[in-house]
Protein backbone atom coordinates (compact mmCIF):
# COMPACT_ATOMS: atom_id res chain seq x y z
CA MET A 1 -16.16 16.60 -19.71
CA PRO A 2 -15.92 13.51 -22.03
CA THR A 3 -19.04 11.89 -23.44
CA ILE A 4 -18.94 8.14 -23.91
CA LYS A 5 -21.19 5.84 -25.78
CA LEU A 6 -21.71 2.50 -23.85
CA ASN A 7 -22.90 -0.65 -25.40
CA LYS A 8 -26.29 -1.10 -23.64
CA GLU A 9 -26.23 -5.10 -23.83
CA ARG A 10 -22.60 -5.19 -22.84
CA VAL A 11 -23.48 -3.15 -19.75
CA LYS A 12 -26.26 -5.36 -18.65
CA GLU A 13 -24.23 -8.43 -19.22
CA LEU A 14 -21.50 -7.02 -16.95
CA ILE A 15 -23.65 -5.76 -14.27
CA GLY A 16 -25.40 -9.19 -14.19
CA LYS A 17 -28.91 -7.73 -14.23
CA ASP A 18 -31.37 -7.01 -16.96
CA LEU A 19 -32.41 -3.41 -16.14
CA SER A 20 -35.07 -1.62 -18.27
CA ASP A 21 -34.48 1.68 -19.95
CA GLU A 22 -36.60 3.41 -17.34
CA GLU A 23 -34.61 1.84 -14.48
CA LEU A 24 -31.34 2.93 -16.08
CA LYS A 25 -32.58 6.40 -16.48
CA GLU A 26 -33.33 6.57 -12.87
CA ILE A 27 -30.27 5.00 -11.49
CA ILE A 28 -27.44 6.42 -13.53
CA PRO A 29 -27.74 10.11 -12.53
CA TYR A 30 -27.46 9.05 -9.01
CA LEU A 31 -24.01 7.41 -9.60
CA GLY A 32 -22.59 10.81 -10.07
CA THR A 33 -22.78 11.02 -13.80
CA ASP A 34 -24.87 12.82 -16.21
CA LEU A 35 -27.03 10.70 -18.42
CA GLU A 36 -27.60 12.21 -21.89
CA GLU A 37 -29.56 9.52 -23.74
CA ILE A 38 -30.40 5.93 -24.00
CA THR A 39 -30.96 4.67 -27.45
CA SER A 40 -31.88 1.12 -28.56
CA ASP A 41 -28.16 0.16 -28.68
CA GLU A 42 -26.24 2.66 -26.47
CA ILE A 43 -26.18 4.46 -23.21
CA ILE A 44 -24.74 7.84 -23.64
CA VAL A 45 -23.27 9.50 -20.44
CA GLU A 46 -21.10 12.37 -19.43
CA ILE A 47 -18.30 11.45 -17.21
CA PHE A 48 -16.79 13.82 -14.82
CA PRO A 49 -13.05 14.28 -14.92
CA ASN A 50 -12.38 12.94 -11.43
CA ARG A 51 -13.80 9.47 -12.55
CA PRO A 52 -11.67 8.26 -15.43
CA ASP A 53 -12.20 4.62 -14.38
CA LEU A 54 -15.69 4.95 -15.80
CA LEU A 55 -14.49 5.71 -19.24
CA SER A 56 -15.17 2.20 -20.55
CA ASP A 57 -18.07 -0.43 -20.71
CA GLU A 58 -16.29 -2.38 -18.12
CA GLY A 59 -15.36 0.34 -15.68
CA PHE A 60 -18.87 2.00 -15.90
CA SER A 61 -20.53 -1.39 -15.50
CA ARG A 62 -18.25 -2.37 -12.38
CA ALA A 63 -19.37 0.97 -10.58
CA LEU A 64 -23.00 0.56 -11.65
CA SER A 65 -23.25 -3.21 -10.48
CA SER A 66 -21.82 -2.15 -7.14
CA PHE A 67 -24.06 0.69 -6.84
CA ILE A 68 -27.24 -1.09 -7.37
CA GLY A 69 -26.22 -3.77 -4.71
CA ASN A 70 -25.38 -6.58 -7.19
CA LYS A 71 -21.71 -6.79 -6.66
CA ILE A 72 -20.78 -4.65 -3.79
CA GLY A 73 -17.50 -3.98 -1.93
CA LEU A 74 -13.87 -3.91 -3.06
CA LYS A 75 -13.03 -5.70 -6.38
CA GLU A 76 -9.46 -6.79 -6.35
CA TYR A 77 -7.25 -7.54 -9.27
CA LYS A 78 -4.15 -9.99 -9.18
CA SER A 79 -1.17 -10.08 -11.54
CA GLU A 80 1.06 -12.99 -12.17
CA LYS A 81 4.96 -12.79 -12.02
CA SER A 82 6.70 -12.89 -15.35
CA LYS A 83 10.27 -12.43 -16.88
CA TYR A 84 8.98 -9.40 -19.09
CA ASP A 85 11.84 -6.84 -18.82
CA ILE A 86 12.01 -3.27 -19.65
CA PHE A 87 15.19 -1.16 -19.36
CA ILE A 88 14.70 2.46 -18.91
CA LYS A 89 17.76 4.31 -20.12
CA LYS A 90 19.08 7.65 -18.46
CA GLU A 91 18.66 9.44 -21.90
CA VAL A 92 14.93 9.77 -21.23
CA LYS A 93 15.52 11.80 -17.92
CA ASP A 94 14.93 15.18 -19.56
CA VAL A 95 12.34 14.13 -21.96
CA ARG A 96 9.60 11.89 -20.56
CA PRO A 97 11.57 10.25 -17.77
CA TYR A 98 8.97 7.41 -16.36
CA THR A 99 6.90 4.51 -17.61
CA ALA A 100 4.49 2.00 -15.88
CA CYS A 101 3.73 -1.03 -17.72
CA ALA A 102 1.74 -4.36 -17.90
CA VAL A 103 0.98 -7.42 -20.11
CA ILE A 104 -2.44 -8.90 -20.79
CA LYS A 105 -2.95 -12.32 -22.21
CA GLY A 106 -6.08 -14.30 -23.21
CA LEU A 107 -8.08 -11.53 -24.59
CA LYS A 108 -10.93 -12.49 -27.05
CA ILE A 109 -11.44 -9.23 -29.00
CA ASN A 110 -14.24 -8.58 -31.39
CA GLU A 111 -14.94 -5.39 -33.19
CA GLU A 112 -16.96 -3.99 -30.21
CA LYS A 113 -14.20 -4.68 -27.81
CA LEU A 114 -11.43 -3.35 -29.93
CA LYS A 115 -13.47 0.07 -30.28
CA ASN A 116 -13.84 0.15 -26.72
CA ILE A 117 -10.10 -0.45 -26.00
CA ILE A 118 -9.07 2.44 -28.40
CA GLU A 119 -11.74 4.70 -26.81
CA ILE A 120 -10.69 4.28 -23.34
CA GLN A 121 -7.05 4.90 -24.45
CA GLU A 122 -8.15 8.17 -26.21
CA LYS A 123 -10.36 9.40 -23.48
CA LEU A 124 -7.71 8.78 -20.87
CA HIS A 125 -5.44 10.81 -23.07
CA VAL A 126 -7.81 13.77 -23.22
CA THR A 127 -8.99 13.76 -19.54
CA TYR A 128 -6.52 12.20 -17.11
CA GLY A 129 -3.61 12.65 -19.35
CA ARG A 130 -4.35 16.31 -20.07
CA ASN A 131 -4.15 15.87 -23.77
CA ARG A 132 -1.15 13.54 -23.38
CA LYS A 133 0.91 16.08 -21.57
CA LYS A 134 0.56 14.40 -18.26
CA CYS A 135 0.56 10.79 -19.57
CA ALA A 136 0.25 8.90 -22.79
CA ILE A 137 -0.69 5.17 -23.28
CA GLY A 138 0.59 2.77 -25.84
CA ILE A 139 -0.97 -0.67 -26.59
CA TYR A 140 0.83 -3.18 -28.69
CA PRO A 141 0.30 -6.69 -29.89
CA MET A 142 2.53 -9.11 -28.19
CA GLU A 143 3.06 -11.26 -31.30
CA ALA A 144 4.96 -8.46 -33.10
CA ILE A 145 7.53 -7.84 -30.11
CA LYS A 146 10.55 -9.48 -29.09
CA TRP A 147 11.58 -8.94 -25.23
CA PRO A 148 13.28 -7.41 -23.66
CA ILE A 149 12.22 -3.93 -24.32
CA THR A 150 14.23 -0.59 -24.01
CA TYR A 151 12.67 2.95 -23.23
CA THR A 152 15.27 5.28 -24.42
CA ALA A 153 15.66 8.62 -26.18
CA LYS A 154 17.59 9.43 -29.53
CA LYS A 155 18.13 12.33 -31.89
CA PRO A 156 15.23 12.97 -34.21
CA GLU A 157 17.29 12.00 -37.25
CA GLU A 158 18.19 8.62 -35.74
CA ILE A 159 14.49 7.73 -35.28
CA SER A 160 12.73 6.10 -38.27
CA PHE A 161 9.72 4.06 -38.52
CA VAL A 162 6.39 3.48 -40.34
CA PRO A 163 3.84 5.33 -38.22
CA LEU A 164 0.29 3.83 -37.23
CA GLU A 165 -2.04 3.66 -40.38
CA LYS A 166 0.85 4.72 -42.84
CA SER A 167 2.73 2.70 -45.37
CA VAL A 168 5.79 5.11 -45.80
CA GLU A 169 8.77 4.95 -43.30
CA MET A 170 9.26 8.49 -41.76
CA ASN A 171 11.82 9.91 -39.44
CA ALA A 172 10.81 11.69 -36.31
CA SER A 173 10.90 15.11 -37.82
CA GLN A 174 8.69 14.24 -40.52
CA ILE A 175 6.25 12.53 -38.21
CA LEU A 176 6.02 15.80 -36.37
CA LEU A 177 5.37 17.78 -39.45
CA GLU A 178 3.27 15.61 -41.75
CA HIS A 179 1.45 13.03 -39.62
CA GLU A 180 -1.94 13.97 -38.31
CA LYS A 181 -0.95 12.94 -34.63
CA GLY A 182 2.43 14.37 -35.12
CA LYS A 183 1.10 17.81 -36.02
CA ASP A 184 -1.46 17.59 -33.21
CA PHE A 185 1.08 16.93 -30.39
CA ALA A 186 4.41 18.07 -31.76
CA HIS A 187 4.13 20.96 -29.11
CA LEU A 188 4.82 18.35 -26.35
CA LEU A 189 8.35 17.71 -27.78
CA ASP A 190 9.09 21.38 -28.37
CA GLY A 191 12.73 22.16 -27.53
CA LYS A 192 13.92 18.62 -26.84
CA LYS A 193 17.30 17.48 -28.44
CA LEU A 194 16.21 13.86 -27.93
CA TYR A 195 12.79 12.17 -28.47
CA PRO A 196 11.61 9.18 -26.46
CA ILE A 197 11.08 5.73 -27.95
CA PHE A 198 10.30 2.23 -27.17
CA MET A 199 12.39 -0.40 -28.83
CA ASP A 200 12.34 -4.24 -28.73
CA ALA A 201 15.10 -6.72 -28.77
CA ASN A 202 15.13 -6.67 -32.68
CA ASN A 203 15.78 -2.94 -32.46
CA GLU A 204 12.24 -2.57 -33.80
CA ILE A 205 10.64 0.84 -32.73
CA LEU A 206 7.46 0.27 -30.96
CA SER A 207 6.42 3.93 -30.65
CA MET A 208 7.48 7.45 -30.08
CA PRO A 209 5.67 8.61 -27.18
CA PRO A 210 3.48 10.68 -26.68
CA ILE A 211 3.08 10.96 -30.55
CA ILE A 212 2.41 7.78 -32.39
CA ASN A 213 2.88 3.93 -32.34
CA SER A 214 4.64 2.00 -35.18
CA HIS A 215 2.33 0.41 -37.69
CA LYS A 216 4.53 -2.72 -37.66
CA THR A 217 4.70 -3.34 -33.96
CA GLY A 218 1.92 -1.11 -32.27
CA LYS A 219 -1.36 -2.01 -34.02
CA ILE A 220 -3.73 -4.27 -32.30
CA SER A 221 -6.63 -6.10 -34.24
CA GLU A 222 -9.42 -8.48 -33.68
CA SER A 223 -6.92 -11.54 -34.05
CA THR A 224 -4.88 -10.11 -31.14
CA THR A 225 -5.13 -12.08 -27.70
CA ASP A 226 -2.01 -10.74 -26.00
CA VAL A 227 -1.11 -7.05 -25.47
CA PHE A 228 1.78 -5.07 -23.98
CA LEU A 229 0.63 -1.85 -22.30
CA GLU A 230 2.95 1.15 -21.40
CA CYS A 231 2.27 4.58 -20.03
CA SER A 232 4.92 7.26 -19.98
CA GLY A 233 5.15 10.66 -18.46
CA PHE A 234 6.57 12.90 -15.66
CA ASN A 235 5.03 11.32 -12.28
CA PHE A 236 5.16 7.52 -11.69
CA ASP A 237 2.27 7.54 -9.42
CA VAL A 238 0.18 9.06 -12.25
CA LEU A 239 1.36 6.61 -14.77
CA SER A 240 0.78 3.69 -12.36
CA LYS A 241 -2.89 4.74 -11.86
CA ALA A 242 -3.62 5.06 -15.48
CA ILE A 243 -2.06 1.69 -16.32
CA ASN A 244 -4.32 0.18 -13.51
CA ILE A 245 -7.32 1.81 -15.07
CA VAL A 246 -6.67 0.12 -18.41
CA VAL A 247 -5.49 -3.15 -16.98
CA SER A 248 -8.75 -3.48 -14.73
CA ALA A 249 -10.94 -2.87 -17.90
CA LEU A 250 -9.04 -5.47 -19.79
CA SER A 251 -9.02 -7.98 -17.05
CA ASP A 252 -13.09 -7.42 -16.92
CA MET A 253 -12.82 -8.32 -20.81
CA GLY A 254 -11.36 -11.71 -19.78
CA GLY A 255 -7.79 -11.03 -19.85
CA LYS A 256 -5.11 -12.36 -17.65
CA ILE A 257 -2.67 -9.80 -16.00
CA PHE A 258 1.08 -10.28 -15.97
CA ASP A 259 3.73 -8.18 -14.33
CA VAL A 260 6.50 -6.35 -16.12
CA ASN A 261 9.99 -5.50 -14.43
CA LEU A 262 11.14 -2.05 -14.86
CA PHE A 263 14.99 -1.51 -14.44
CA TYR A 264 15.71 2.33 -14.25
CA GLU A 265 19.24 3.26 -15.02
CA GLN A 266 20.72 5.87 -12.61
CA ASP A 267 17.43 6.81 -11.36
CA PRO A 268 16.41 6.58 -7.69
CA LEU A 269 13.45 4.27 -8.56
CA GLY A 270 15.77 1.40 -9.41
CA LYS A 271 14.06 -1.74 -10.13
CA LEU A 272 10.21 -1.87 -9.90
CA THR A 273 7.51 -4.07 -10.95
CA THR A 274 3.99 -2.83 -12.43
CA PRO A 275 1.05 -3.04 -12.37
CA LYS A 276 0.69 -2.19 -8.65
CA LEU A 277 -2.84 -3.41 -8.23
CA GLU A 278 -3.02 -3.48 -4.35
CA SER A 279 -5.62 -1.46 -2.73
CA ASN A 280 -4.60 1.61 -0.98
CA LYS A 281 -5.54 1.92 2.67
CA SER A 282 -7.00 5.30 3.87
CA PHE A 283 -8.81 6.32 6.82
CA LEU A 284 -12.16 8.14 7.55
CA ASN A 285 -12.84 10.01 10.83
CA LYS A 286 -16.49 9.30 12.02
CA ASN A 287 -16.98 12.87 13.16
CA TYR A 288 -15.88 14.14 9.81
CA ILE A 289 -18.88 12.51 8.10
CA LYS A 290 -21.50 14.07 10.41
CA LYS A 291 -19.62 17.49 10.01
CA TYR A 292 -19.66 17.67 6.19
CA LEU A 293 -22.61 15.72 5.48
CA GLY A 294 -24.89 16.66 8.42
CA LEU A 295 -26.14 13.09 8.84
CA GLU A 296 -26.13 10.86 11.88
CA LEU A 297 -25.20 7.60 10.32
CA SER A 298 -24.63 4.32 12.12
CA ASP A 299 -21.32 2.48 11.38
CA GLU A 300 -23.12 -0.18 9.59
CA LYS A 301 -24.96 2.38 7.27
CA VAL A 302 -21.48 4.02 6.60
CA VAL A 303 -20.01 0.56 5.67
CA GLU A 304 -22.91 0.00 3.40
CA CYS A 305 -22.65 3.23 1.55
CA LEU A 306 -18.93 2.71 0.92
CA GLU A 307 -19.28 -0.78 -0.20
CA LYS A 308 -21.97 0.32 -2.50
CA MET A 309 -19.17 2.60 -4.05
CA GLY A 310 -16.72 -0.25 -4.34
CA PHE A 311 -14.72 0.29 -1.30
CA GLY A 312 -13.55 -2.23 1.31
CA VAL A 313 -14.22 -1.00 4.95
CA ASN A 314 -13.16 -2.02 8.55
CA ILE A 315 -14.81 -0.42 11.34
CA GLN A 316 -12.47 1.06 14.17
CA LYS A 317 -13.43 2.86 17.55
CA HIS A 318 -13.09 6.49 16.15
CA PHE A 319 -12.67 6.06 12.40
CA PHE A 320 -13.08 3.62 9.37
CA ASP A 321 -10.19 1.85 7.68
CA VAL A 322 -11.20 2.32 3.92
CA PHE A 323 -9.52 0.22 1.28
CA VAL A 324 -9.43 2.26 -2.06
CA PRO A 325 -9.50 0.09 -5.36
CA CYS A 326 -6.48 0.33 -7.49
CA TYR A 327 -8.14 1.95 -10.32
CA ARG A 328 -9.64 4.90 -8.30
CA SER A 329 -7.43 8.02 -9.00
CA ASP A 330 -9.56 10.53 -7.21
CA ILE A 331 -9.34 9.65 -3.54
CA ILE A 332 -6.89 11.83 -2.09
CA HIS A 333 -8.50 13.19 1.07
CA GLN A 334 -11.26 12.12 3.60
CA ILE A 335 -13.64 14.55 1.82
CA ASP A 336 -13.54 12.41 -1.42
CA LEU A 337 -14.75 9.45 0.77
CA VAL A 338 -17.43 11.52 2.39
CA GLU A 339 -18.60 12.63 -1.26
CA ASP A 340 -18.92 8.99 -2.14
CA ILE A 341 -20.80 8.22 1.11
CA GLY A 342 -23.26 10.90 0.16
CA ILE A 343 -23.82 9.30 -3.48
CA GLY A 344 -24.17 5.97 -1.74
CA PHE A 345 -26.70 7.09 0.70
CA GLY A 346 -28.33 9.29 -2.05
CA TYR A 347 -28.46 13.01 -1.72
CA ASN A 348 -31.99 12.72 -2.70
CA ASN A 349 -32.72 10.81 0.61
CA ILE A 350 -31.23 13.65 2.72
CA GLU A 351 -34.17 15.34 4.30
CA SER A 352 -34.27 19.11 4.33
CA ASP A 353 -33.65 20.89 7.63
CA ASP A 354 -36.29 23.65 8.26
CA ASN A 355 -34.59 24.57 11.55
CA ARG A 356 -32.15 26.98 9.81
CA THR A 357 -30.31 29.95 11.25
CA TYR A 358 -30.59 32.94 9.22
CA SER A 359 -28.03 35.66 9.42
CA LEU A 360 -26.80 38.88 7.48
CA GLY A 361 -23.52 38.73 5.44
CA LYS A 362 -20.82 40.94 6.37
CA GLU A 363 -17.14 41.55 5.42
CA ASN A 364 -14.72 39.13 7.06
CA TYR A 365 -12.82 40.97 9.86
CA SER A 366 -9.40 39.90 8.40
CA GLU A 367 -10.14 41.40 5.12
CA LYS A 368 -11.08 44.72 6.97
CA ILE A 369 -7.64 44.81 8.52
CA PHE A 370 -6.11 43.75 5.11
CA LYS A 371 -7.74 46.69 3.46
CA LYS A 372 -6.72 49.09 6.17
CA ILE A 373 -3.06 47.98 5.80
CA ARG A 374 -3.33 48.42 1.98
CA GLU A 375 -4.65 51.96 2.39
CA HIS A 376 -1.87 52.92 4.87
CA PHE A 377 0.94 51.86 2.48
CA VAL A 378 -0.60 53.11 -0.61
CA GLY A 379 -1.14 56.45 1.31
CA LEU A 380 2.74 56.43 1.58
CA LYS A 381 3.28 56.03 -2.04
CA MET A 382 4.27 52.33 -1.87
CA ASN A 383 3.45 49.89 -4.64
CA GLU A 384 1.59 46.66 -3.79
CA THR A 385 2.64 43.28 -5.41
CA ASN A 386 0.89 40.10 -5.74
CA THR A 387 3.44 37.22 -6.38
CA TYR A 388 3.26 33.52 -6.50
CA SER A 389 3.21 31.19 -3.37
CA LEU A 390 5.57 28.86 -5.17
CA VAL A 391 9.34 29.82 -5.28
CA SER A 392 12.64 28.17 -5.89
CA LYS A 393 13.73 25.97 -3.18
CA ASP A 394 17.24 26.42 -3.95
CA ILE A 395 17.08 30.06 -3.14
CA GLN A 396 15.02 29.55 -0.09
CA ASN A 397 17.43 27.06 1.31
CA LYS A 398 20.13 29.64 1.25
CA LEU A 399 18.17 31.99 3.39
CA VAL A 400 15.60 30.36 5.54
CA ASP A 401 14.73 26.94 7.26
CA ASN A 402 11.66 24.78 7.53
CA VAL A 403 10.76 25.04 3.91
CA VAL A 404 7.93 22.83 2.36
CA PHE A 405 9.18 21.25 -0.86
CA VAL A 406 6.63 20.33 -3.81
CA LYS A 407 6.96 16.81 -4.89
CA ASN A 408 7.24 16.23 -8.68
CA ALA A 409 7.33 20.01 -9.38
CA LEU A 410 7.26 20.74 -13.07
CA SER A 411 9.78 23.67 -12.68
CA SER A 412 12.69 24.37 -10.67
CA GLU A 413 11.68 27.88 -10.31
CA PHE A 414 8.27 26.88 -8.48
CA ASN A 415 9.34 23.93 -6.47
CA SER A 416 8.77 24.88 -2.82
CA LEU A 417 6.11 26.97 -0.80
CA ARG A 418 7.34 30.17 0.23
CA ARG A 419 8.37 30.36 3.77
CA ASN A 420 8.12 34.11 3.63
CA ILE A 421 7.14 37.06 1.30
CA MET A 422 10.38 38.77 1.60
CA ILE A 423 12.11 36.54 -0.81
CA ASN A 424 9.33 37.36 -3.43
CA LEU A 425 9.92 41.14 -2.83
CA LEU A 426 13.67 40.70 -3.38
CA HIS A 427 13.01 38.81 -6.61
CA ASN A 428 10.55 41.56 -7.60
CA LEU A 429 13.44 44.12 -6.94
CA LYS A 430 15.72 42.11 -9.33
CA ASN A 431 13.22 42.09 -12.04
CA ASN A 432 12.86 46.00 -11.94
CA LYS A 433 16.48 47.09 -11.70
CA MET A 434 16.00 48.92 -15.13
CA TYR A 435 13.60 51.41 -13.42
CA ASP A 436 14.27 54.44 -11.28
CA TYR A 437 14.77 54.30 -7.59
CA PRO A 438 13.53 54.69 -4.94
CA GLN A 439 11.51 51.30 -5.26
CA ASN A 440 9.25 50.44 -2.25
CA PHE A 441 7.00 47.50 -2.32
CA PHE A 442 4.71 45.75 0.06
CA GLU A 443 2.80 42.52 -0.20
CA LEU A 444 -0.13 40.76 1.90
CA GLY A 445 -0.32 37.07 1.29
CA VAL A 446 -0.01 33.47 2.76
CA ILE A 447 3.24 31.69 3.87
CA PHE A 448 3.82 28.16 4.65
CA LYS A 449 5.81 26.21 7.33
CA LYS A 450 6.03 22.64 8.40
CA ASP A 451 3.98 21.98 11.38
CA ASN A 452 3.26 18.30 12.51
CA SER A 453 0.35 19.58 14.60
CA GLU A 454 -1.65 20.46 11.48
CA PHE A 455 -3.63 17.65 9.65
CA THR A 456 -1.53 18.42 6.51
CA SER A 457 1.75 18.87 8.45
CA ILE A 458 1.75 22.40 6.93
CA LYS A 459 0.70 25.46 8.64
CA GLU A 460 -0.58 28.42 6.55
CA SER A 461 -0.30 32.05 7.90
CA ASN A 462 -1.07 35.55 6.74
CA SER A 463 1.93 37.69 6.46
CA LEU A 464 3.02 41.29 5.36
CA ALA A 465 6.16 42.13 4.01
CA ALA A 466 7.56 45.64 2.96
CA ILE A 467 10.90 46.40 1.27
CA PHE A 468 12.68 49.88 0.53
CA CYS A 469 15.46 50.00 -1.84
CA SER A 470 17.47 53.28 -2.70
CA GLU A 471 20.83 54.57 -2.14
CA ASN A 472 19.84 56.07 1.27
CA VAL A 473 17.76 53.48 2.95
CA ASN A 474 19.00 51.95 6.35
CA PHE A 475 17.39 50.14 9.45
CA THR A 476 15.74 53.47 10.40
CA THR A 477 13.98 53.56 7.06
CA ALA A 478 12.18 50.20 7.81
CA LYS A 479 11.60 50.98 11.48
CA GLN A 480 9.97 54.31 10.96
CA HIS A 481 7.43 52.57 8.48
CA LEU A 482 6.77 49.71 11.06
CA ASP A 483 6.30 52.41 13.75
CA SER A 484 3.78 54.21 11.38
CA LEU A 485 1.80 50.95 10.76
CA PHE A 486 1.42 50.04 14.38
CA GLN A 487 0.45 53.68 15.26
CA ASP A 488 -2.28 53.54 12.57
CA LEU A 489 -3.55 50.19 14.09
CA ASN A 490 -3.41 51.60 17.68
CA LEU A 491 -1.18 48.93 18.88
CA ASP A 492 2.29 48.57 20.69
CA TYR A 493 5.23 46.44 19.97
CA LYS A 494 8.92 46.27 20.56
CA ILE A 495 12.10 45.19 18.97
CA GLU A 496 14.86 42.95 20.39
CA LYS A 497 18.29 42.25 18.88
CA ASP A 498 18.38 38.99 17.04
CA GLU A 499 19.93 37.29 13.86
CA ASN A 500 18.27 36.45 10.70
CA ASN A 501 19.86 35.06 7.45
CA ILE A 502 17.79 37.56 5.30
CA PHE A 503 18.86 40.65 7.34
CA MET A 504 22.33 42.10 8.11
CA SER A 505 24.12 40.95 11.33
CA GLY A 506 23.92 43.74 13.93
CA ARG A 507 21.34 45.68 12.03
CA THR A 508 18.33 43.42 12.56
CA GLY A 509 15.81 42.69 15.34
CA LYS A 510 12.94 40.47 16.00
CA ILE A 511 9.58 42.01 16.37
CA ILE A 512 7.68 41.19 19.56
CA PHE A 513 3.87 41.80 19.89
CA ASN A 514 1.42 40.41 22.52
CA GLY A 515 4.37 38.33 24.06
CA LYS A 516 5.26 36.59 20.72
CA ILE A 517 7.75 36.85 17.97
CA ILE A 518 5.77 37.95 14.83
CA GLY A 519 8.63 38.82 12.59
CA PHE A 520 11.82 40.73 11.76
CA VAL A 521 13.06 44.17 10.68
CA GLY A 522 16.35 45.32 9.49
CA GLU A 523 18.60 46.00 6.66
CA ILE A 524 19.00 43.22 3.86
CA SER A 525 22.01 41.17 4.09
CA PRO A 526 24.93 41.24 1.57
CA LYS A 527 24.25 37.60 1.05
CA ALA A 528 20.70 38.36 -0.03
CA ILE A 529 21.82 41.34 -1.94
CA SER A 530 24.36 39.34 -3.90
CA LEU A 531 21.86 36.20 -4.29
CA PHE A 532 19.38 38.56 -6.17
CA ASP A 533 22.08 40.46 -7.95
CA LEU A 534 20.86 43.73 -6.43
CA GLU A 535 22.78 47.12 -6.95
CA MET A 536 21.04 49.21 -4.18
CA PRO A 537 20.92 48.70 -0.43
CA CYS A 538 17.70 47.54 0.92
CA SER A 539 15.65 47.48 4.20
CA GLY A 540 12.43 46.11 5.19
CA PHE A 541 10.42 44.09 7.60
CA GLU A 542 7.89 41.04 7.66
CA ILE A 543 5.30 40.31 10.12
CA GLU A 544 2.65 37.49 10.50
CA LEU A 545 -0.56 39.03 10.84
CA ASP A 546 -2.82 36.42 12.67
CA ASN A 547 -2.03 37.40 16.13
CA ILE A 548 -2.46 41.05 15.27
CA ILE A 549 -5.87 40.37 13.66
CA SER A 550 -6.98 38.25 16.77
CA VAL A 551 -6.02 41.18 19.26
CA LEU A 552 -7.77 43.71 17.00
CA LYS A 553 -10.82 41.65 16.82
CA GLU A 554 -10.94 41.18 20.54
CA ASN A 555 -10.42 44.89 21.24
CA ASN A 556 -13.28 45.94 19.01
CA LYS A 557 -15.92 43.59 20.51
């Protein structure tokens, strides 16, 4: 967690209240941060990674002012339209494809503010930006730039400029080998044939993200009044939040925010305007608050707590409309709002409950069944696997329906949640073709499918899959093992003829238990065999276990 040093007098000025050191020592820990020390000039605090908006004097003071009731509720920021244009070329698609930008004018920068701007940039790089891998921020003096700006990518030998705090021009390869920042972050461009750059209308290079700015066009000073901000990375929403955090801090310094128009070449984003400073509307179920905080709070008290934490709130019949400020990147789910209600109410104000129910811990019943299944298959000399829940959507789409895709996945190999475990076992056979046969595997794990009745629209189920691979396996091989398992569990099932893309037509059936379809058994289809480049016939089965566990639990009451 990053530790920051705040200017004590600046913080007091921004919150609009002259708090004593003792009052600050008492209040700051309740805000959800760790206070390390208060000196004559500084407040030293440790900020948790989920609150990057607190990494500056301005951001911290904004939250503290609202927390103490001085400036409560949603603080909104506005930007003015402009004709500042940036053209994002298709060359950056495979390097660092997205950017979000803004222009701030009218800053009155002194030494302290300059230090604060640089510090928030670097702290965001380390925390929210994951050491610049997730996002990297550049800040440039407007007087050194001619608009419009182009974001593109070129070969390393075609990139040459004087990097920040240097006096000699260097090409991209030299910067990565010789410059301090180049050596620190060269790994972020490993294997790339093209490197990203920002260029102005005079073809002056502004920077090579995520490495270093140009000394000529990318160095701000105390004489700078207008700045251009850019943030580059792989997820536009992440970049937009990072820009909002910096923009809101600079606005609180007295700057005026202006839009930047982004023109994406051959990208579904098309034309965009940033920064996006509108508050995000979320909702909070009233019963959810009681469930997780254990408090009977009136509507008015909930509103008070949320406004104390900087939110806007509208009361509805069964829920609250909550307006999340543009600089908050940590509010993803209702539980995040409940956490802030707890902070606003004060966890120290929650009375202890002496009427507790005491119980003895015991093994989860599902785990007992899983253990029994494992022992069963290990006793049959089968090998257990434990594979990833993320798999390739291209492979899944060829074999199964109702697949849950991962938005902004970092790899094409892991861009969807597995619909079944059989695909993982087939992939495992592919990776073990060099070993002797027979190869028999089983796995217990979670599978995922779309289900609009679930809160997340995704249903998770426990599943068991088993696969048998050798020159002699067939439908009977899989069915015998399925029979053996159900006999061990003292349960009955039946098989009815059906079709399934993973299994061979005419040699597969659906498994019926307790009146419900729980899986399939059969010989693996030639399509699946070919897709995974296997050289031996395979058979197997997969069953969802939740219904079985419920019946076993009921039978053993």
